[in-house]
Amino acid sequence: MVCSLLRAQFTYQNLFVDYNGARQHQNLRIIPIRAKSGFLDREMNPSVELYRNAHTLQEAMERDLVDIRDNEGVNTLLFSNNSENPVFLMSGEIVAGGRQDRVIARDIILPPNARDVRVPVYCVEEGRWGNRKKFKYYHEASMHLRKKIDRERSQGAVWKEIEDENRADGVRSATKAYTAHGEDRRYVQQENDYLQQFTLSAFGDPSNIVGIVAVTGDMVIGSDIFVSPDIFQREFNTILYSYIDEAISFGLPITIGEQQIRTYMDNLLSNEVTQRRFIERYGKVFEEGGRIIHITTYENR
């Protein structure tokens, strides 16, 4: 029974989409995904307890709990975990500095006290190599850029997407840096306007929220679902930037109907078979120790 539940943990058997709890601001609507009681039982889902004290990358960097060093090549960084707890790195998280700004290429959990773990990355600053700077946390990339990272897995595709987004957003950078968005006052003000509307408390009781699905215009942007409310709450602001930046750069007035959203979520959550097929085409899944930790999906077009 326990093994069956663990294999099927990210389905309607254990989750439900709280359509009544949706929040909307301008071109973005976010709908919480909540866990049923069995999903939160530590005996049924040991990962709830296993990663309760895991640090986010942002927290770990701000508290100097991780050291990051450039490796010989562009597409690898060396991470050391200086804490007694695991550190969760998400695909799409951007660290600025070093020889070039980089984006994490896949989800990874750094074990406690791990040394010089080779973490795959992509460059998000094509026009700079050298002038070493201390690495600082930026935030999560837009959903468009995350999709390029997770689905195409190409440095050239990442650079092309950054060029397109910088141009579309009117962001200029001498080094072609994605993080130049954070230096554009107009863009940052738009981000802040969205951030003020989408606080975690705006969705009501957060104790059983494990993910979100977001929409703009006539389409679903995507979703992120985590193995526990603890991890979701810690990562909420990180992934929120991803959806906000998507709405700013590509968003349209919302016209999508609820049935279209339900169809998308049915493909993802109805059962393991349809879920596997849907993720193979439109998303990615991160597993650790045979258990799903994080699912990300993108627009299904």
Foldseek 3Di string as FASTA:
>chain_A
DLVVCQVQVQFPVFKDWAPVLWFDDFFKIKTFIFTDPQLCDCVSQVVQVQQLPEAEPQVCVVVVQKAWADDPDQFKIWIFGNAQHKYWAAFQWWKQFAQAIWTFLHIDIHHHGHGGDITTIAGQFQQTGDPGDGIHTQFGAALVLSCCSHPVVDNVSNLVVLVVQCVLLVFDDPRSHSSSLVVDVVSVVQVVVVCVRDDPCSSPDLQGTFKMWMDGAAWTFKMKGFSHSSVCVNCVVRCSSRHSSCCVRPGDHHDHDPVRVVVVVCQCHVGDVSNVVQCVQFWDFDDDPNGTGMTMGGIRD
